[in-house]
N, C-alpha and C. Protein backbone atom coordinates (compact mmCIF):
# COMPACT_ATOMS: atom_id res chain seq x y z
N MET A 1 56.42 -34.63 156.28
CA MET A 1 56.93 -34.48 154.93
C MET A 1 58.22 -35.29 154.77
N LEU A 2 58.28 -36.04 153.72
CA LEU A 2 59.50 -36.79 153.45
C LEU A 2 60.59 -35.85 152.98
N ASN A 3 61.83 -36.12 153.39
CA ASN A 3 62.92 -35.30 152.87
C ASN A 3 63.27 -35.77 151.46
N GLN A 4 64.09 -34.98 150.77
CA GLN A 4 64.35 -35.25 149.36
C GLN A 4 65.07 -36.58 149.15
N GLU A 5 65.99 -36.94 150.03
CA GLU A 5 66.72 -38.21 149.87
C GLU A 5 65.79 -39.42 149.98
N ILE A 6 64.89 -39.38 150.96
CA ILE A 6 63.94 -40.49 151.11
C ILE A 6 63.03 -40.56 149.89
N LEU A 7 62.48 -39.43 149.49
CA LEU A 7 61.56 -39.39 148.36
C LEU A 7 62.25 -39.84 147.07
N ASP A 8 63.46 -39.35 146.83
CA ASP A 8 64.20 -39.75 145.62
C ASP A 8 64.47 -41.25 145.61
N THR A 9 64.82 -41.81 146.77
CA THR A 9 65.10 -43.24 146.86
C THR A 9 63.84 -44.05 146.60
N LEU A 10 62.73 -43.65 147.21
CA LEU A 10 61.46 -44.34 146.97
C LEU A 10 61.08 -44.30 145.49
N ARG A 11 61.18 -43.14 144.89
CA ARG A 11 60.82 -43.01 143.47
C ARG A 11 61.74 -43.83 142.58
N ARG A 12 63.04 -43.80 142.86
CA ARG A 12 64.00 -44.56 142.05
C ARG A 12 63.70 -46.05 142.11
N LEU A 13 63.45 -46.56 143.32
CA LEU A 13 63.15 -47.98 143.47
C LEU A 13 61.84 -48.35 142.79
N PHE A 14 60.82 -47.53 142.96
CA PHE A 14 59.51 -47.82 142.37
C PHE A 14 59.59 -47.78 140.84
N GLU A 15 60.29 -46.80 140.30
CA GLU A 15 60.45 -46.73 138.85
C GLU A 15 61.22 -47.93 138.32
N ALA A 16 62.26 -48.34 139.05
CA ALA A 16 63.02 -49.53 138.64
C ALA A 16 62.14 -50.77 138.68
N ALA A 17 61.30 -50.87 139.71
CA ALA A 17 60.39 -52.03 139.82
C ALA A 17 59.40 -52.04 138.67
N GLN A 18 58.92 -50.86 138.27
CA GLN A 18 57.97 -50.78 137.16
C GLN A 18 58.61 -51.20 135.83
N CYS A 19 59.92 -51.04 135.73
CA CYS A 19 60.65 -51.43 134.51
C CYS A 19 61.18 -52.86 134.59
N SER A 20 60.99 -53.51 135.72
CA SER A 20 61.50 -54.88 135.91
C SER A 20 60.46 -55.89 135.43
N SER A 21 60.76 -57.15 135.68
CA SER A 21 59.82 -58.23 135.31
C SER A 21 58.77 -58.48 136.39
N ASP A 22 58.74 -57.64 137.40
CA ASP A 22 57.74 -57.80 138.47
C ASP A 22 56.34 -57.64 137.88
N PRO A 23 55.48 -58.66 138.05
CA PRO A 23 54.14 -58.57 137.46
C PRO A 23 53.24 -57.54 138.15
N GLU A 24 53.54 -57.15 139.38
CA GLU A 24 52.72 -56.17 140.09
C GLU A 24 53.61 -55.31 140.97
N PRO A 25 54.37 -54.39 140.38
CA PRO A 25 55.32 -53.59 141.16
C PRO A 25 54.67 -52.66 142.17
N ALA A 26 53.38 -52.35 141.99
CA ALA A 26 52.70 -51.45 142.93
C ALA A 26 52.12 -52.19 144.13
N ALA A 27 52.27 -53.53 144.18
CA ALA A 27 51.73 -54.30 145.31
C ALA A 27 52.38 -53.87 146.61
N MET A 28 51.54 -53.61 147.61
CA MET A 28 52.03 -53.10 148.89
C MET A 28 51.20 -53.73 150.00
N CYS A 29 51.86 -54.28 150.98
CA CYS A 29 51.16 -54.85 152.13
C CYS A 29 50.87 -53.73 153.12
N VAL A 30 49.60 -53.62 153.51
CA VAL A 30 49.24 -52.65 154.54
C VAL A 30 48.76 -53.44 155.76
N SER A 31 49.37 -53.13 156.90
CA SER A 31 49.03 -53.79 158.16
C SER A 31 48.35 -52.79 159.08
N THR A 32 47.24 -53.24 159.67
CA THR A 32 46.45 -52.41 160.57
C THR A 32 46.20 -53.18 161.85
N VAL A 33 45.68 -52.48 162.85
CA VAL A 33 45.40 -53.11 164.14
C VAL A 33 43.93 -52.89 164.49
N GLY A 34 43.26 -53.98 164.88
CA GLY A 34 41.87 -53.89 165.29
C GLY A 34 41.73 -53.42 166.73
N ALA A 35 40.50 -53.15 167.13
CA ALA A 35 40.23 -52.70 168.50
C ALA A 35 40.66 -53.74 169.53
N ASP A 36 40.68 -55.03 169.11
CA ASP A 36 41.09 -56.11 170.01
C ASP A 36 42.60 -56.31 170.05
N GLY A 37 43.35 -55.47 169.31
CA GLY A 37 44.80 -55.58 169.29
C GLY A 37 45.34 -56.55 168.26
N ARG A 38 44.45 -57.23 167.54
CA ARG A 38 44.88 -58.19 166.53
C ARG A 38 45.34 -57.45 165.27
N VAL A 39 46.49 -57.86 164.74
CA VAL A 39 47.05 -57.25 163.54
C VAL A 39 46.49 -57.94 162.31
N SER A 40 46.11 -57.15 161.31
CA SER A 40 45.64 -57.67 160.02
C SER A 40 46.55 -57.13 158.93
N ALA A 41 46.83 -57.95 157.92
CA ALA A 41 47.65 -57.51 156.79
C ALA A 41 47.00 -57.96 155.50
N ARG A 42 47.09 -57.11 154.47
CA ARG A 42 46.56 -57.45 153.16
C ARG A 42 47.28 -56.60 152.11
N MET A 43 47.19 -57.04 150.87
CA MET A 43 47.84 -56.34 149.77
C MET A 43 46.89 -55.28 149.19
N VAL A 44 47.45 -54.13 148.91
CA VAL A 44 46.76 -53.05 148.19
C VAL A 44 47.72 -52.58 147.10
N LEU A 45 47.32 -51.59 146.33
CA LEU A 45 48.21 -51.06 145.29
C LEU A 45 48.64 -49.64 145.65
N LEU A 46 49.94 -49.40 145.58
CA LEU A 46 50.47 -48.05 145.75
C LEU A 46 50.05 -47.25 144.53
N LYS A 47 49.25 -46.22 144.72
CA LYS A 47 48.72 -45.46 143.59
C LYS A 47 49.33 -44.07 143.44
N HIS A 48 49.95 -43.57 144.49
CA HIS A 48 50.56 -42.24 144.40
C HIS A 48 51.62 -42.12 145.50
N LEU A 49 52.66 -41.39 145.17
CA LEU A 49 53.78 -41.20 146.10
C LEU A 49 54.28 -39.77 145.91
N ASP A 50 54.34 -39.03 147.00
CA ASP A 50 54.93 -37.69 146.95
C ASP A 50 55.51 -37.36 148.32
N GLU A 51 55.94 -36.12 148.49
CA GLU A 51 56.59 -35.74 149.75
C GLU A 51 55.67 -35.86 150.96
N ARG A 52 54.35 -35.93 150.70
CA ARG A 52 53.39 -36.03 151.82
C ARG A 52 53.19 -37.48 152.26
N GLY A 53 53.52 -38.46 151.41
CA GLY A 53 53.37 -39.84 151.81
C GLY A 53 53.02 -40.77 150.68
N LEU A 54 52.55 -41.97 151.05
CA LEU A 54 52.21 -43.04 150.10
C LEU A 54 50.70 -43.24 150.14
N CYS A 55 50.07 -43.41 148.97
CA CYS A 55 48.61 -43.41 148.88
C CYS A 55 48.06 -44.70 148.29
N PHE A 56 46.94 -45.13 148.83
CA PHE A 56 46.17 -46.25 148.28
C PHE A 56 44.70 -45.92 148.43
N PHE A 57 43.86 -46.66 147.70
CA PHE A 57 42.42 -46.41 147.69
C PHE A 57 41.67 -47.67 148.09
N THR A 58 40.53 -47.47 148.78
CA THR A 58 39.77 -48.62 149.27
C THR A 58 38.37 -48.19 149.69
N HIS A 59 37.64 -49.14 150.16
CA HIS A 59 36.29 -48.96 150.71
C HIS A 59 36.48 -48.57 152.18
N TYR A 60 36.00 -47.40 152.57
CA TYR A 60 36.20 -46.92 153.93
C TYR A 60 35.48 -47.77 154.98
N GLU A 61 34.45 -48.52 154.56
CA GLU A 61 33.70 -49.35 155.51
C GLU A 61 34.20 -50.80 155.53
N SER A 62 35.33 -51.06 154.88
CA SER A 62 35.94 -52.39 154.91
C SER A 62 36.58 -52.63 156.27
N GLU A 63 37.08 -53.83 156.47
CA GLU A 63 37.77 -54.13 157.73
C GLU A 63 38.95 -53.19 157.93
N LYS A 64 39.74 -52.96 156.86
CA LYS A 64 40.89 -52.08 157.01
C LYS A 64 40.45 -50.65 157.32
N GLY A 65 39.36 -50.20 156.68
CA GLY A 65 38.85 -48.86 156.94
C GLY A 65 38.40 -48.69 158.38
N ALA A 66 37.70 -49.70 158.90
CA ALA A 66 37.24 -49.65 160.30
C ALA A 66 38.43 -49.65 161.25
N GLN A 67 39.46 -50.46 160.93
CA GLN A 67 40.62 -50.51 161.81
C GLN A 67 41.41 -49.20 161.76
N ILE A 68 41.52 -48.60 160.58
CA ILE A 68 42.22 -47.31 160.48
C ILE A 68 41.47 -46.24 161.24
N ALA A 69 40.14 -46.26 161.17
CA ALA A 69 39.33 -45.29 161.92
C ALA A 69 39.58 -45.43 163.42
N GLU A 70 39.73 -46.66 163.88
CA GLU A 70 39.94 -46.95 165.31
C GLU A 70 41.38 -46.66 165.73
N HIS A 71 42.33 -47.01 164.84
CA HIS A 71 43.75 -46.91 165.17
C HIS A 71 44.51 -46.55 163.90
N PRO A 72 44.76 -45.25 163.63
CA PRO A 72 45.31 -44.83 162.34
C PRO A 72 46.78 -45.16 162.11
N GLN A 73 47.46 -45.71 163.11
CA GLN A 73 48.86 -46.10 162.89
C GLN A 73 48.89 -47.38 162.06
N VAL A 74 49.60 -47.33 160.93
CA VAL A 74 49.67 -48.49 160.04
C VAL A 74 51.13 -48.75 159.65
N ALA A 75 51.35 -49.92 159.05
CA ALA A 75 52.66 -50.26 158.51
C ALA A 75 52.47 -50.71 157.06
N LEU A 76 53.40 -50.31 156.22
CA LEU A 76 53.40 -50.68 154.81
C LEU A 76 54.68 -51.44 154.49
N THR A 77 54.59 -52.40 153.58
CA THR A 77 55.77 -53.10 153.11
C THR A 77 55.69 -53.27 151.60
N LEU A 78 56.74 -52.88 150.93
CA LEU A 78 56.88 -53.12 149.49
C LEU A 78 58.10 -54.01 149.30
N HIS A 79 58.00 -55.01 148.44
CA HIS A 79 59.11 -55.94 148.22
C HIS A 79 59.31 -56.11 146.72
N TRP A 80 60.48 -55.69 146.26
CA TRP A 80 60.78 -55.77 144.84
C TRP A 80 61.93 -56.75 144.63
N LYS A 81 61.61 -58.03 144.48
CA LYS A 81 62.64 -59.07 144.37
C LYS A 81 63.19 -59.22 142.97
N HIS A 82 62.59 -58.54 141.97
CA HIS A 82 63.05 -58.67 140.59
C HIS A 82 64.07 -57.59 140.20
N LEU A 83 64.44 -56.73 141.12
CA LEU A 83 65.45 -55.72 140.84
C LEU A 83 66.83 -56.37 140.80
N LYS A 84 67.79 -55.70 140.15
CA LYS A 84 69.16 -56.22 140.10
C LYS A 84 69.67 -56.50 141.52
N THR A 85 69.41 -55.54 142.42
CA THR A 85 69.63 -55.77 143.85
C THR A 85 68.25 -55.74 144.48
N PRO A 86 67.71 -56.93 144.84
CA PRO A 86 66.36 -56.95 145.43
C PRO A 86 66.27 -56.00 146.62
N ALA A 87 65.11 -55.37 146.73
CA ALA A 87 64.92 -54.35 147.77
C ALA A 87 63.57 -54.51 148.44
N GLN A 88 63.54 -54.07 149.68
CA GLN A 88 62.29 -54.02 150.45
C GLN A 88 62.23 -52.64 151.10
N VAL A 89 61.03 -52.09 151.16
CA VAL A 89 60.83 -50.82 151.86
C VAL A 89 59.76 -51.05 152.92
N ARG A 90 60.09 -50.65 154.14
CA ARG A 90 59.11 -50.69 155.24
C ARG A 90 58.79 -49.26 155.62
N VAL A 91 57.51 -48.99 155.84
CA VAL A 91 57.07 -47.66 156.24
C VAL A 91 56.12 -47.81 157.42
N GLU A 92 56.30 -47.01 158.43
CA GLU A 92 55.34 -46.93 159.53
C GLU A 92 54.89 -45.48 159.63
N GLY A 93 53.61 -45.30 159.89
CA GLY A 93 53.10 -43.94 159.98
C GLY A 93 51.62 -43.90 160.25
N ARG A 94 51.05 -42.73 160.04
CA ARG A 94 49.63 -42.48 160.32
C ARG A 94 48.87 -42.37 159.01
N ALA A 95 47.75 -43.10 158.91
CA ALA A 95 46.91 -43.03 157.72
C ALA A 95 45.85 -41.96 157.90
N GLU A 96 45.69 -41.13 156.88
CA GLU A 96 44.65 -40.10 156.86
C GLU A 96 43.86 -40.23 155.58
N LYS A 97 42.56 -39.97 155.64
CA LYS A 97 41.77 -39.94 154.42
C LYS A 97 42.25 -38.81 153.52
N MET A 98 42.30 -39.11 152.23
CA MET A 98 42.66 -38.09 151.26
C MET A 98 41.44 -37.20 151.01
N GLY A 99 41.67 -36.04 150.45
CA GLY A 99 40.59 -35.12 150.15
C GLY A 99 39.67 -35.66 149.07
N ALA A 100 38.43 -35.16 149.05
CA ALA A 100 37.44 -35.62 148.07
C ALA A 100 37.90 -35.38 146.65
N GLU A 101 38.56 -34.27 146.37
CA GLU A 101 39.00 -33.99 145.00
C GLU A 101 40.00 -35.02 144.52
N GLU A 102 40.97 -35.38 145.38
CA GLU A 102 41.96 -36.40 145.00
C GLU A 102 41.29 -37.75 144.79
N SER A 103 40.38 -38.11 145.68
CA SER A 103 39.68 -39.39 145.54
C SER A 103 38.81 -39.40 144.30
N ASP A 104 38.11 -38.30 144.03
CA ASP A 104 37.28 -38.20 142.83
C ASP A 104 38.12 -38.36 141.56
N ALA A 105 39.26 -37.70 141.52
CA ALA A 105 40.12 -37.75 140.34
C ALA A 105 40.61 -39.17 140.08
N TYR A 106 41.05 -39.86 141.14
CA TYR A 106 41.50 -41.23 140.92
C TYR A 106 40.33 -42.13 140.52
N PHE A 107 39.19 -41.99 141.17
CA PHE A 107 38.04 -42.83 140.86
C PHE A 107 37.64 -42.67 139.39
N ALA A 108 37.68 -41.44 138.89
CA ALA A 108 37.32 -41.17 137.50
C ALA A 108 38.27 -41.84 136.52
N SER A 109 39.50 -42.13 136.95
CA SER A 109 40.49 -42.76 136.07
C SER A 109 40.36 -44.29 136.01
N ARG A 110 39.56 -44.86 136.88
CA ARG A 110 39.41 -46.31 136.94
C ARG A 110 38.54 -46.82 135.80
N ALA A 111 38.73 -48.09 135.46
CA ALA A 111 37.88 -48.73 134.46
C ALA A 111 36.43 -48.71 134.96
N ARG A 112 35.50 -48.59 134.03
CA ARG A 112 34.08 -48.48 134.41
C ARG A 112 33.62 -49.65 135.28
N LEU A 113 34.01 -50.88 134.93
CA LEU A 113 33.57 -52.02 135.73
C LEU A 113 34.15 -51.97 137.15
N SER A 114 35.35 -51.42 137.29
CA SER A 114 35.92 -51.24 138.63
C SER A 114 35.11 -50.20 139.41
N GLN A 115 34.66 -49.16 138.72
CA GLN A 115 33.81 -48.15 139.37
C GLN A 115 32.49 -48.78 139.81
N ILE A 116 31.89 -49.57 138.93
CA ILE A 116 30.64 -50.26 139.26
C ILE A 116 30.87 -51.20 140.45
N GLY A 117 32.00 -51.90 140.43
CA GLY A 117 32.33 -52.82 141.52
C GLY A 117 32.42 -52.14 142.87
N ALA A 118 32.90 -50.90 142.88
CA ALA A 118 32.98 -50.16 144.14
C ALA A 118 31.59 -49.93 144.73
N TRP A 119 30.60 -49.75 143.87
CA TRP A 119 29.22 -49.59 144.34
C TRP A 119 28.62 -50.93 144.73
N ALA A 120 28.96 -51.99 143.99
CA ALA A 120 28.32 -53.29 144.21
C ALA A 120 28.88 -54.04 145.42
N SER A 121 30.15 -53.81 145.73
CA SER A 121 30.79 -54.58 146.79
C SER A 121 30.51 -54.01 148.18
N ARG A 122 30.20 -54.90 149.09
CA ARG A 122 30.12 -54.55 150.51
C ARG A 122 31.39 -55.11 151.15
N GLN A 123 32.53 -54.54 150.78
CA GLN A 123 33.85 -55.10 151.06
C GLN A 123 33.99 -55.55 152.51
N SER A 124 34.49 -56.77 152.67
CA SER A 124 34.76 -57.43 153.95
C SER A 124 33.51 -58.00 154.62
N GLN A 125 32.31 -57.74 154.07
CA GLN A 125 31.09 -58.31 154.64
C GLN A 125 30.89 -59.72 154.08
N THR A 126 30.09 -60.53 154.75
CA THR A 126 29.83 -61.90 154.29
C THR A 126 29.04 -61.87 152.99
N LEU A 127 29.51 -62.64 152.01
CA LEU A 127 28.85 -62.78 150.71
C LEU A 127 28.21 -64.17 150.65
N PRO A 128 26.88 -64.26 150.53
CA PRO A 128 26.24 -65.57 150.55
C PRO A 128 26.69 -66.48 149.41
N ASP A 129 26.89 -65.89 148.21
CA ASP A 129 27.34 -66.68 147.06
C ASP A 129 27.74 -65.70 145.96
N ARG A 130 28.47 -66.18 144.93
CA ARG A 130 28.93 -65.31 143.85
C ARG A 130 27.76 -64.73 143.05
N ALA A 131 26.67 -65.49 142.98
CA ALA A 131 25.51 -65.01 142.22
C ALA A 131 24.98 -63.70 142.80
N THR A 132 25.07 -63.54 144.11
CA THR A 132 24.63 -62.30 144.75
C THR A 132 25.47 -61.13 144.28
N LEU A 133 26.78 -61.33 144.22
CA LEU A 133 27.66 -60.26 143.74
C LEU A 133 27.36 -59.94 142.28
N THR A 134 27.20 -60.98 141.46
CA THR A 134 26.89 -60.78 140.04
C THR A 134 25.62 -59.97 139.86
N GLU A 135 24.61 -60.27 140.68
CA GLU A 135 23.34 -59.55 140.61
C GLU A 135 23.51 -58.11 141.06
N ARG A 136 24.30 -57.87 142.09
CA ARG A 136 24.53 -56.51 142.58
C ARG A 136 25.27 -55.68 141.52
N VAL A 137 26.23 -56.31 140.82
CA VAL A 137 26.95 -55.61 139.75
C VAL A 137 25.97 -55.26 138.63
N ALA A 138 25.15 -56.22 138.22
CA ALA A 138 24.18 -55.99 137.14
C ALA A 138 23.21 -54.86 137.51
N ARG A 139 22.76 -54.83 138.75
CA ARG A 139 21.83 -53.79 139.21
C ARG A 139 22.49 -52.41 139.11
N ARG A 140 23.75 -52.33 139.52
CA ARG A 140 24.46 -51.03 139.45
C ARG A 140 24.75 -50.65 137.99
N GLU A 141 25.02 -51.63 137.14
CA GLU A 141 25.23 -51.33 135.72
C GLU A 141 23.97 -50.70 135.12
N ARG A 142 22.81 -51.24 135.48
CA ARG A 142 21.54 -50.67 135.01
C ARG A 142 21.34 -49.25 135.56
N GLU A 143 21.65 -49.10 136.84
CA GLU A 143 21.46 -47.79 137.49
C GLU A 143 22.28 -46.69 136.82
N PHE A 144 23.52 -47.01 136.44
CA PHE A 144 24.42 -46.00 135.88
C PHE A 144 24.50 -46.05 134.36
N GLU A 145 23.64 -46.80 133.73
CA GLU A 145 23.68 -46.93 132.27
C GLU A 145 23.54 -45.56 131.61
N GLY A 146 24.45 -45.29 130.67
CA GLY A 146 24.38 -44.06 129.90
C GLY A 146 24.90 -42.82 130.60
N ARG A 147 25.51 -42.98 131.74
CA ARG A 147 26.06 -41.81 132.45
C ARG A 147 27.33 -42.19 133.20
N GLU A 148 28.06 -41.19 133.63
CA GLU A 148 29.29 -41.43 134.39
C GLU A 148 28.95 -42.01 135.75
N VAL A 149 29.86 -42.84 136.24
CA VAL A 149 29.68 -43.45 137.56
C VAL A 149 30.34 -42.54 138.59
N PRO A 150 29.57 -42.00 139.55
CA PRO A 150 30.17 -41.14 140.57
C PRO A 150 30.90 -41.99 141.62
N ARG A 151 31.81 -41.36 142.33
CA ARG A 151 32.50 -42.07 143.42
C ARG A 151 31.54 -42.28 144.59
N PRO A 152 31.47 -43.51 145.10
CA PRO A 152 30.63 -43.73 146.28
C PRO A 152 31.16 -42.92 147.47
N PRO A 153 30.29 -42.44 148.34
CA PRO A 153 30.75 -41.64 149.47
C PRO A 153 31.58 -42.43 150.47
N TYR A 154 31.48 -43.75 150.42
CA TYR A 154 32.21 -44.62 151.35
C TYR A 154 33.49 -45.19 150.73
N TRP A 155 33.96 -44.62 149.65
CA TRP A 155 35.13 -45.13 148.94
C TRP A 155 36.08 -43.97 148.68
N GLY A 156 37.38 -44.19 148.90
CA GLY A 156 38.34 -43.13 148.63
C GLY A 156 39.74 -43.52 149.02
N GLY A 157 40.59 -42.52 149.10
CA GLY A 157 42.01 -42.76 149.34
C GLY A 157 42.45 -42.52 150.76
N TYR A 158 43.55 -43.19 151.09
CA TYR A 158 44.28 -42.93 152.34
C TYR A 158 45.69 -42.53 151.95
N ARG A 159 46.21 -41.56 152.67
CA ARG A 159 47.62 -41.20 152.56
C ARG A 159 48.29 -41.61 153.86
N VAL A 160 49.36 -42.39 153.75
CA VAL A 160 50.13 -42.77 154.94
C VAL A 160 51.27 -41.77 155.09
N ILE A 161 51.24 -41.06 156.19
CA ILE A 161 52.25 -40.04 156.49
C ILE A 161 53.34 -40.71 157.33
N PRO A 162 54.50 -40.94 156.75
CA PRO A 162 55.51 -41.75 157.43
C PRO A 162 56.14 -41.08 158.65
N SER A 163 56.44 -41.91 159.64
CA SER A 163 57.28 -41.51 160.76
C SER A 163 58.53 -42.37 160.80
N MET A 164 58.55 -43.43 159.98
CA MET A 164 59.72 -44.30 159.84
C MET A 164 59.73 -44.87 158.43
N VAL A 165 60.90 -44.87 157.81
CA VAL A 165 61.08 -45.50 156.50
C VAL A 165 62.39 -46.28 156.55
N GLU A 166 62.32 -47.55 156.17
CA GLU A 166 63.53 -48.37 156.13
C GLU A 166 63.70 -48.95 154.74
N PHE A 167 64.91 -48.78 154.20
CA PHE A 167 65.28 -49.38 152.92
C PHE A 167 66.19 -50.58 153.20
N TRP A 168 65.83 -51.71 152.61
CA TRP A 168 66.56 -52.97 152.81
C TRP A 168 67.01 -53.45 151.44
N TYR A 169 68.30 -53.75 151.31
CA TYR A 169 68.85 -54.23 150.05
C TYR A 169 69.51 -55.59 150.28
N ALA A 170 69.18 -56.56 149.44
CA ALA A 170 69.70 -57.92 149.59
C ALA A 170 71.18 -57.98 149.18
N HIS A 171 71.96 -58.67 150.00
CA HIS A 171 73.37 -58.94 149.68
C HIS A 171 73.64 -60.41 149.97
N GLU A 172 74.74 -60.91 149.41
CA GLU A 172 75.07 -62.33 149.60
C GLU A 172 75.27 -62.66 151.07
N HIS A 173 75.02 -63.91 151.37
CA HIS A 173 75.23 -64.47 152.72
C HIS A 173 74.41 -63.75 153.78
N ARG A 174 73.31 -63.15 153.35
CA ARG A 174 72.39 -62.43 154.24
C ARG A 174 73.03 -61.24 154.95
N LEU A 175 74.13 -60.73 154.37
CA LEU A 175 74.75 -59.53 154.92
C LEU A 175 74.09 -58.31 154.25
N ASN A 176 72.80 -58.22 154.48
CA ASN A 176 71.97 -57.21 153.80
C ASN A 176 72.28 -55.81 154.30
N GLU A 177 71.96 -54.83 153.45
CA GLU A 177 72.14 -53.43 153.81
C GLU A 177 70.80 -52.87 154.26
N ARG A 178 70.79 -52.22 155.42
CA ARG A 178 69.56 -51.63 155.96
C ARG A 178 69.82 -50.18 156.34
N ILE A 179 69.01 -49.30 155.77
CA ILE A 179 69.10 -47.87 156.06
C ILE A 179 67.75 -47.44 156.61
N ARG A 180 67.76 -46.91 157.82
CA ARG A 180 66.51 -46.53 158.48
C ARG A 180 66.48 -45.04 158.72
N TRP A 181 65.32 -44.45 158.42
CA TRP A 181 65.05 -43.05 158.69
C TRP A 181 63.92 -42.95 159.71
N ASP A 182 64.11 -42.13 160.74
CA ASP A 182 63.08 -41.91 161.76
C ASP A 182 62.81 -40.42 161.89
N TRP A 183 61.51 -40.07 162.00
CA TRP A 183 61.10 -38.69 162.23
C TRP A 183 61.14 -38.44 163.74
N ILE A 184 62.13 -37.66 164.18
CA ILE A 184 62.34 -37.43 165.62
C ILE A 184 62.52 -35.92 165.83
N ASP A 185 61.72 -35.37 166.76
CA ASP A 185 61.84 -33.96 167.11
C ASP A 185 61.82 -33.04 165.89
N GLY A 186 60.93 -33.33 164.96
CA GLY A 186 60.73 -32.45 163.82
C GLY A 186 61.74 -32.56 162.71
N GLU A 187 62.53 -33.66 162.70
CA GLU A 187 63.48 -33.83 161.59
C GLU A 187 63.70 -35.32 161.32
N TRP A 188 64.14 -35.61 160.10
CA TRP A 188 64.45 -36.99 159.72
C TRP A 188 65.88 -37.32 160.14
N ARG A 189 66.05 -38.44 160.83
CA ARG A 189 67.37 -38.90 161.25
C ARG A 189 67.66 -40.25 160.63
N LYS A 190 68.84 -40.38 160.10
CA LYS A 190 69.25 -41.56 159.33
C LYS A 190 70.26 -42.38 160.12
N ARG A 191 70.11 -43.71 160.04
CA ARG A 191 71.10 -44.59 160.65
C ARG A 191 71.13 -45.91 159.90
N LEU A 192 72.23 -46.62 160.02
CA LEU A 192 72.36 -47.96 159.46
C LEU A 192 71.98 -48.97 160.52
N LEU A 193 71.43 -50.09 160.08
CA LEU A 193 71.08 -51.19 160.98
C LEU A 193 71.88 -52.43 160.61
N TYR A 194 72.22 -53.22 161.62
CA TYR A 194 72.79 -54.53 161.33
C TYR A 194 71.78 -55.36 160.53
N PRO A 195 72.28 -56.26 159.68
CA PRO A 195 71.32 -57.13 158.98
C PRO A 195 70.65 -58.08 159.92
């Protein structure tokens, strides 16, 4: 569980980013590790934030889903360069699948074509050509015509439960401010880091 200071800081920065000129303030890099030890990184969208952690949604059978199943320790990075004082947040922790109710609720809020796309995409698998994807989307549109699109059983949310959170604030001459929180022996401990 995040303490109130960490949670308040995350929320304040995220809200400021949403009010800034940043075209995608929810963009978040998630890094995972494969069975071979190779690190993979890609952008996802931060969709929910609370005292339990940071949440994103994806295809569980994607490369990231397979890597999380194998090795649930992940790293997240958010970078908000359009703030008055540009900021970066690094999070390390354990990814857990969110409950079906939470995943269902978010899926129901998505645009219909995004819901159809979740059924049509075999995320991270080889796609022979764009026409194949277009045909798969059309087939799913016909299948769900006139009714609500249910959440696919292989699609849902992950919550990253932090064990480390670092706030980085840009200052002149690279004399940046870094505040790091670590979960140690059942409590959050705060320290400053050299830039």
